[in-house]
Amino acid sequence: MGQGVTGATGLVAVNGVLTHLFADGPTPDKLRQSLPALVVLAVVSVGTALLAAWSTAMSGRLEPQIERAVSTQYYRAVTRVEVAATERPEIQRHLEAGKFGTDSARRMLGLSVGITGVLISIVASAAVLASLHWALLPMLLAIAVPKGWGAVRTARHEYLSRRHWVDHRRAVATLLQYLTMPHAAGEIRAHEAGTLLLRGYEEMSRLMEAEQRRLARAQAHTELVAGAFSGLASLGCYGMLWWLLTSGGLPLAVGGTAVVAIRNSTAGLTSLVRQVNRMYEEMLQFSDTKEATRLAAEHAIPRTGAPLPSSVRAVRVEKVSFTYPGAAEPALTDVSLRV
């Protein structure tokens, strides 16, 4: 809120400076008359910097606590899942995707603070712009809408692609980890297994590269469409400003302030779109963590059952059979064991 107030005050100070500079009279007199507004502008700049630093410091204190809380909740739930459930691919896929969202909770806090600050700044600039002339405000909204649409569309495409390829990425990571594990070093070198693993990595990486190229083309198309409509809206906004100046609807000094307000708002919109894009993607990843935590709770090891006797002399199983999910042959058949 403080940054929004300082931003609006700065624009009012700019308007005061321009009003004095464009007034009639000797240049030294105009400079002396604009000096108080220049002092206000300097104070506002210092205040904005102090408020931004304070916001960053407070966010830095809270972010690690949020990340620790979310990570602890997720990993506590995952470690309580029954082993049989972890061997089901549809469950393992959700549990695996959930680990990417633990870091998202931390980044979401920083992004939410940034988005809130930019929104307040844009509202302050829009309020000053509307006070200069009401016709300039709808044009500012027309600049923002296409950029917001493009950001959400791009983030959605990236999220769907990541969810679709999560098993593929896990397989690639599994292949690569054996190349550096000490306990696998003997087999890797004695049997030249590294060649086989690298060949599999290259084949799977080519598929992922093709997916990245498809995403890049889709993102370029979206940015082109959004940029074209936003550019047309910017042209219309400056055209409206030019018409108001030439028709006498706005004084020249006020027109200069309007240009500054439009540029500030446009820069804020660009930053807002970029942060909203990242925020949307982080929210989607964080939803994976919430879904994984919920799924883990559904398949947790049951806590019910009869208590063991006080003194256990032996544990015995007889004729036990087990078949892995999806396997054609049982892994164990009629196994008896006494411990």
Foldseek 3Di string as FASTA:
>chain_A
DLLLVLLLLLLVLLLLLLVLCPDDDDNVVSVVSSVVSVVSNVVSVVSNVVVVVVLVVVLVVCLVVQLVVLVVLLVVLQVQFDPLQCLPVVLVLLNLLQVVLSNLRSVLSVLVSVLVSLVSNLVSLLVLLVVQPVVLNVLLVQLQVLLLVLLLVLLVLVLVVCSVCVVLVVVLVVLVVLVPDPVNVVVCPVVVCNVVSVVVNVVSVVVVVVVVVVSVVVSVVSCVVSVVSSVVSVVVSVVVLVVCPVVVVGDPSSSVSSVVSSVSSSVSSVVNSVSVSSSSNSVSSNVSNVVSSVSSVVRGDDPDDDDDDPDDPKDKDFQDWAQRVPDPDTPDGGDIDMD
